[in-house]
Every structure is written in C-alpha cells, then in structure tokens.
Amino acid sequence: MLNPCRICQLVLLIAGFVGTGAVLAEKADTPAPSANQVEVTPPTSSGASQPAATSEELKTALRQRVERYWAARQARDVRTMYEMESAAQPGGWLKLENAMSLQGLPVRKVRVDAVNIEAGQGKARISGEVLIGTMGWVPQTLEQTWVLIDGQWYHKSQR
C-alpha cells in the first residue's frame, strides 16, 4: 500500500523541479536553464573507478550549478538553495528549519560572469540587481566560493 505522506513528498518534489524554471522565466529577464544541460553526478557506490574529470568539465559543471543556484534564488526556491549548500550536507551545521535565512533580498537579472577553479575551490563572479528597500533595484556584483564534495559542486555556506 502506498504511503500518502510519501506520495505528497513526490508530488511536491516534481512540482519543485517543474516550477523553478517556469517561475524563473516569468519573474526574471534571464532565460530558464535549458533542458539539455547535464549535471555532474556523484561517484557510484559500486567501487568502480570513474575517469577523472578534466578542468573544462569541472568548470562547465560548476557554471551549471551556479546557474541553477541563482535561478532558485531568483525564484525564491529555498528548498533547492538549501540542497546546494555545503553546510546542508551530512555532518553540516545548516538545518532545513533554518533554511529561510538563505532567501536574502529579492534579486533579478542575475548573470554568471565568470567561473574559475583555484586551489581546489570554485570561484564564481555573479552580477545582477538587488531590491533594497526604498532605493529600489540596485546593480551588484559579488564573488562566491564553491566546494567540490563527492564529485558535485556546493555553494560554500557562510555562518
């Protein structure tokens, strides 16, 4: 017999994946990520060795993760942002009940200007507009650090 709670979780999960791109396309001036983008998957537990990713493959995977994170941020999709935080991974300090703090101020017109890998960490330069009270939409550029955990890039969480 199917568990009604589990069914609800699956429906919400599917709605979250479908809704993120649609909300982003409606609310932001940037297009939603294309369906043909692929993500780097973590290594399998079968013990089979996988070929090491090249520098370009790592940069491409990093860019895709940064774009997905900021699409979620524009859509105010806290669940997706939480799942992409390094401190939300097993053993981390960030708990789901505290995830609303990830939302921050509303942002729009977000663009990933550059991604680089330096000393084993990913660096991403992002620009966009931030809604700051009575000042309105203010242009801003920032740099983020990303870390590679089990073959997947995660936003380096700040306390």
Protein backbone atom coordinates (compact mmCIF):
# COMPACT_ATOMS: atom_id res chain seq x y z
CA MET A 1 0.00 0.00 0.00
CA LEU A 2 1.31 3.45 -0.88
CA ASN A 3 2.07 5.83 1.93
CA PRO A 4 0.04 9.07 1.45
CA CYS A 5 2.83 11.10 3.03
CA ARG A 6 5.35 9.71 0.54
CA ILE A 7 3.03 10.48 -2.39
CA CYS A 8 2.73 14.11 -1.22
CA GLN A 9 6.52 14.38 -0.99
CA LEU A 10 6.93 13.08 -4.53
CA VAL A 11 4.29 15.46 -5.90
CA LEU A 12 5.99 18.42 -4.20
CA LEU A 13 9.39 17.30 -5.47
CA ILE A 14 8.14 17.07 -9.06
CA ALA A 15 6.31 20.40 -8.76
CA GLY A 16 9.50 21.99 -7.46
CA PHE A 17 11.53 20.82 -10.45
CA VAL A 18 8.88 21.88 -12.95
CA GLY A 19 8.02 25.14 -11.18
CA THR A 20 11.53 26.52 -10.77
CA GLY A 21 12.14 27.01 -14.48
CA ALA A 22 8.65 28.36 -15.12
CA VAL A 23 8.79 30.87 -12.27
CA LEU A 24 12.25 31.97 -13.33
CA ALA A 25 11.14 32.53 -16.91
CA GLU A 26 8.17 34.61 -15.74
CA LYS A 27 9.85 36.64 -12.99
CA ALA A 28 13.32 37.24 -14.37
CA ASP A 29 14.64 38.70 -17.57
CA THR A 30 17.09 35.81 -17.89
CA PRO A 31 16.02 32.59 -19.62
CA ALA A 32 15.48 29.40 -17.65
CA PRO A 33 18.31 26.84 -17.89
CA SER A 34 17.96 24.70 -21.00
CA ALA A 35 16.74 21.14 -20.73
CA ASN A 36 19.86 19.77 -22.37
CA GLN A 37 22.16 20.83 -19.53
CA VAL A 38 23.56 17.91 -17.59
CA GLU A 39 24.85 17.83 -14.07
CA VAL A 40 27.86 16.01 -12.71
CA THR A 41 26.67 13.04 -10.68
CA PRO A 42 28.42 11.82 -7.56
CA PRO A 43 30.57 8.71 -7.84
CA THR A 44 28.73 5.41 -7.69
CA SER A 45 28.98 3.26 -4.60
CA SER A 46 29.85 0.20 -6.69
CA GLY A 47 33.52 0.92 -6.24
CA ALA A 48 34.10 1.11 -9.99
CA SER A 49 36.64 3.77 -10.79
CA GLN A 50 35.49 6.66 -12.91
CA PRO A 51 37.80 8.69 -15.11
CA ALA A 52 38.91 11.95 -13.52
CA ALA A 53 37.06 15.00 -14.80
CA THR A 54 39.06 17.45 -16.86
CA SER A 55 39.45 21.07 -15.85
CA GLU A 56 36.97 22.16 -18.53
CA GLU A 57 34.41 19.57 -17.41
CA LEU A 58 34.74 20.78 -13.82
CA LYS A 59 34.29 24.40 -14.91
CA THR A 60 31.25 23.51 -17.01
CA ALA A 61 29.71 21.58 -14.10
CA LEU A 62 30.47 24.50 -11.77
CA ARG A 63 28.81 27.01 -14.11
CA GLN A 64 25.70 24.83 -14.38
CA ARG A 65 25.45 24.51 -10.59
CA VAL A 66 25.93 28.26 -10.08
CA GLU A 67 23.24 29.00 -12.69
CA ARG A 68 20.86 26.53 -11.03
CA TYR A 69 21.51 28.02 -7.58
CA TRP A 70 20.85 31.56 -8.77
CA ALA A 71 17.77 30.51 -10.75
CA ALA A 72 16.46 29.10 -7.47
CA ARG A 73 17.45 32.29 -5.64
CA GLN A 74 15.54 34.45 -8.17
CA ALA A 75 12.52 32.15 -7.88
CA ARG A 76 12.85 32.22 -4.05
CA ASP A 77 13.09 28.39 -4.11
CA VAL A 78 14.61 27.88 -0.66
CA ARG A 79 14.50 24.08 -0.85
CA THR A 80 16.74 23.94 -3.95
CA MET A 81 19.12 26.51 -2.49
CA TYR A 82 19.31 24.55 0.77
CA GLU A 83 20.15 21.32 -1.08
CA MET A 84 23.02 23.12 -2.86
CA GLU A 85 24.64 24.46 0.34
CA SER A 86 27.81 22.75 1.59
CA ALA A 87 26.70 23.07 5.23
CA ALA A 88 23.44 21.22 4.45
CA GLN A 89 25.35 18.07 3.54
CA PRO A 90 25.64 15.23 6.10
CA GLY A 91 27.57 16.43 9.13
CA GLY A 92 27.00 20.11 8.25
CA TRP A 93 25.68 22.80 10.58
CA LEU A 94 22.81 24.09 8.39
CA LYS A 95 19.43 22.52 9.17
CA LEU A 96 16.33 22.69 6.97
CA GLU A 97 14.37 24.61 9.62
CA ASN A 98 16.95 27.43 9.32
CA ALA A 99 16.94 27.46 5.51
CA MET A 100 14.72 30.54 5.19
CA SER A 101 17.81 32.59 6.03
CA LEU A 102 19.15 31.64 2.57
CA GLN A 103 16.48 33.69 0.79
CA GLY A 104 18.07 37.08 1.35
CA LEU A 105 16.87 40.13 -0.53
CA PRO A 106 14.98 39.70 -3.83
CA VAL A 107 17.25 39.53 -6.88
CA ARG A 108 16.66 39.72 -10.64
CA LYS A 109 18.59 39.84 -13.90
CA VAL A 110 21.26 37.57 -12.44
CA ARG A 111 24.15 36.69 -14.74
CA VAL A 112 27.10 34.38 -14.15
CA ASP A 113 30.01 36.47 -15.45
CA ALA A 114 32.88 34.06 -14.79
CA VAL A 115 33.77 30.76 -13.14
CA ASN A 116 37.26 29.60 -12.23
CA ILE A 117 38.81 26.84 -10.20
CA GLU A 118 41.59 27.96 -7.87
CA ALA A 119 43.34 25.80 -5.27
CA GLY A 120 40.63 23.14 -5.43
CA GLN A 121 37.75 25.58 -4.90
CA GLY A 122 35.36 27.04 -7.40
CA LYS A 123 35.07 30.80 -7.73
CA ALA A 124 32.07 32.39 -9.42
CA ARG A 125 31.51 36.07 -10.22
CA ILE A 126 27.82 36.96 -10.41
CA SER A 127 26.13 40.22 -11.29
CA GLY A 128 22.50 41.24 -11.08
CA GLU A 129 20.09 43.59 -9.39
CA VAL A 130 19.08 43.53 -5.72
CA LEU A 131 15.90 45.10 -4.32
CA ILE A 132 16.99 47.31 -1.42
CA GLY A 133 14.04 48.95 0.34
CA THR A 134 13.30 52.47 -0.88
CA MET A 135 16.43 52.51 -3.05
CA GLY A 136 14.78 50.11 -5.49
CA TRP A 137 16.72 47.76 -7.75
CA VAL A 138 20.45 48.30 -7.27
CA PRO A 139 23.12 46.71 -9.52
CA GLN A 140 25.54 44.48 -7.62
CA THR A 141 28.44 42.16 -8.41
CA LEU A 142 29.71 39.53 -6.00
CA GLU A 143 32.10 36.61 -5.87
CA GLN A 144 31.14 33.27 -4.36
CA THR A 145 33.18 30.26 -3.34
CA TRP A 146 32.04 26.75 -4.24
CA VAL A 147 33.45 23.45 -2.96
CA LEU A 148 33.56 20.03 -4.60
CA ILE A 149 32.03 17.31 -2.40
CA ASP A 150 31.80 13.75 -3.74
CA GLY A 151 32.06 14.95 -7.34
CA GLN A 152 29.37 17.66 -7.00
CA TRP A 153 29.75 21.44 -6.55
CA TYR A 154 28.14 23.05 -3.49
CA HIS A 155 27.88 26.71 -2.51
CA LYS A 156 30.27 27.31 0.40
CA SER A 157 27.93 28.18 3.25
CA GLN A 158 28.60 31.25 5.39
CA ARG A 159 27.53 31.42 9.04
